[in-house]
Amino acid sequence: MPKMKTRKAAAKRYKVTGSGRVKRTKCGGNHGMIDKSRTRLRRCRNNDMVDSSMEKHVKRMLPYG
């Protein structure tokens, strides 16, 4: 039986925590910073969790999910 391949795009975007939840970064914090408010950029810094309804789909793309 061959090994399952990792979806590399997903592996770069998501990490599975110790408790099994999936961690992701918030969007909008890469470029065009001058136009965004400081508050908005500060909110982008914090990581977020993937919604529970999407967790199963994301984990399927990761090798250790």
Protein backbone atom coordinates (compact mmCIF):
# COMPACT_ATOMS: atom_id res chain seq x y z
CA MET A 1 0.00 0.00 0.00
CA PRO A 2 1.57 3.34 -0.99
CA LYS A 3 1.92 6.20 1.45
CA MET A 4 -0.58 9.06 1.39
CA LYS A 5 0.89 12.23 -0.06
CA THR A 6 0.72 15.48 1.89
CA ARG A 7 -1.07 18.42 0.31
CA LYS A 8 1.84 20.84 0.54
CA ALA A 9 -0.33 23.96 0.27
CA ALA A 10 -2.36 22.79 3.28
CA ALA A 11 0.74 21.81 5.27
CA LYS A 12 2.07 25.36 4.94
CA ARG A 13 -1.22 26.91 6.11
CA TYR A 14 -2.40 24.66 8.95
CA LYS A 15 -0.93 23.05 12.06
CA VAL A 16 -2.63 20.51 14.32
CA THR A 17 -2.44 21.38 18.03
CA GLY A 18 -1.80 18.92 20.84
CA SER A 19 -5.51 18.65 21.58
CA GLY A 20 -6.27 17.88 17.93
CA ARG A 21 -7.72 21.23 16.87
CA VAL A 22 -6.44 22.86 13.67
CA LYS A 23 -4.67 26.22 13.91
CA ARG A 24 -4.57 28.77 11.08
CA THR A 25 -3.40 32.35 10.55
CA LYS A 26 -5.84 35.17 9.98
CA CYS A 27 -6.02 36.73 6.53
CA GLY A 28 -5.08 40.22 5.40
CA GLY A 29 -1.81 40.76 7.26
CA ASN A 30 0.70 40.53 4.42
CA HIS A 31 0.64 43.65 2.27
CA GLY A 32 -1.18 46.96 1.82
CA MET A 33 -0.62 47.73 5.49
CA ILE A 34 -0.79 51.52 5.18
CA ASP A 35 -4.45 51.42 4.13
CA LYS A 36 -5.50 49.25 7.09
CA SER A 37 -6.11 50.54 10.58
CA ARG A 38 -3.71 49.62 13.39
CA THR A 39 -6.53 47.80 15.18
CA ARG A 40 -7.25 45.68 12.13
CA LEU A 41 -3.58 44.76 11.72
CA ARG A 42 -3.26 43.92 15.42
CA ARG A 43 -6.20 41.52 15.07
CA CYS A 44 -4.50 39.85 12.09
CA ARG A 45 -1.44 38.98 14.18
CA ASN A 46 -3.26 36.47 16.39
CA ASN A 47 -3.75 32.92 15.18
CA ASP A 48 -7.21 31.45 14.96
CA MET A 49 -8.72 27.96 14.94
CA VAL A 50 -10.36 26.35 11.94
CA ASP A 51 -14.11 26.02 12.40
CA SER A 52 -15.19 22.64 13.76
CA SER A 53 -17.31 21.97 10.66
CA MET A 54 -14.20 22.27 8.44
CA GLU A 55 -11.70 20.47 10.69
CA LYS A 56 -12.30 17.04 9.20
CA HIS A 57 -11.68 18.31 5.65
CA VAL A 58 -8.45 20.08 6.61
CA LYS A 59 -7.11 17.12 8.59
CA ARG A 60 -7.68 14.85 5.60
CA MET A 61 -5.14 16.94 3.65
CA LEU A 62 -2.45 16.68 6.34
CA PRO A 63 -0.34 13.56 6.90
CA TYR A 64 -0.64 13.63 10.70
CA GLY A 65 -4.32 14.60 10.85
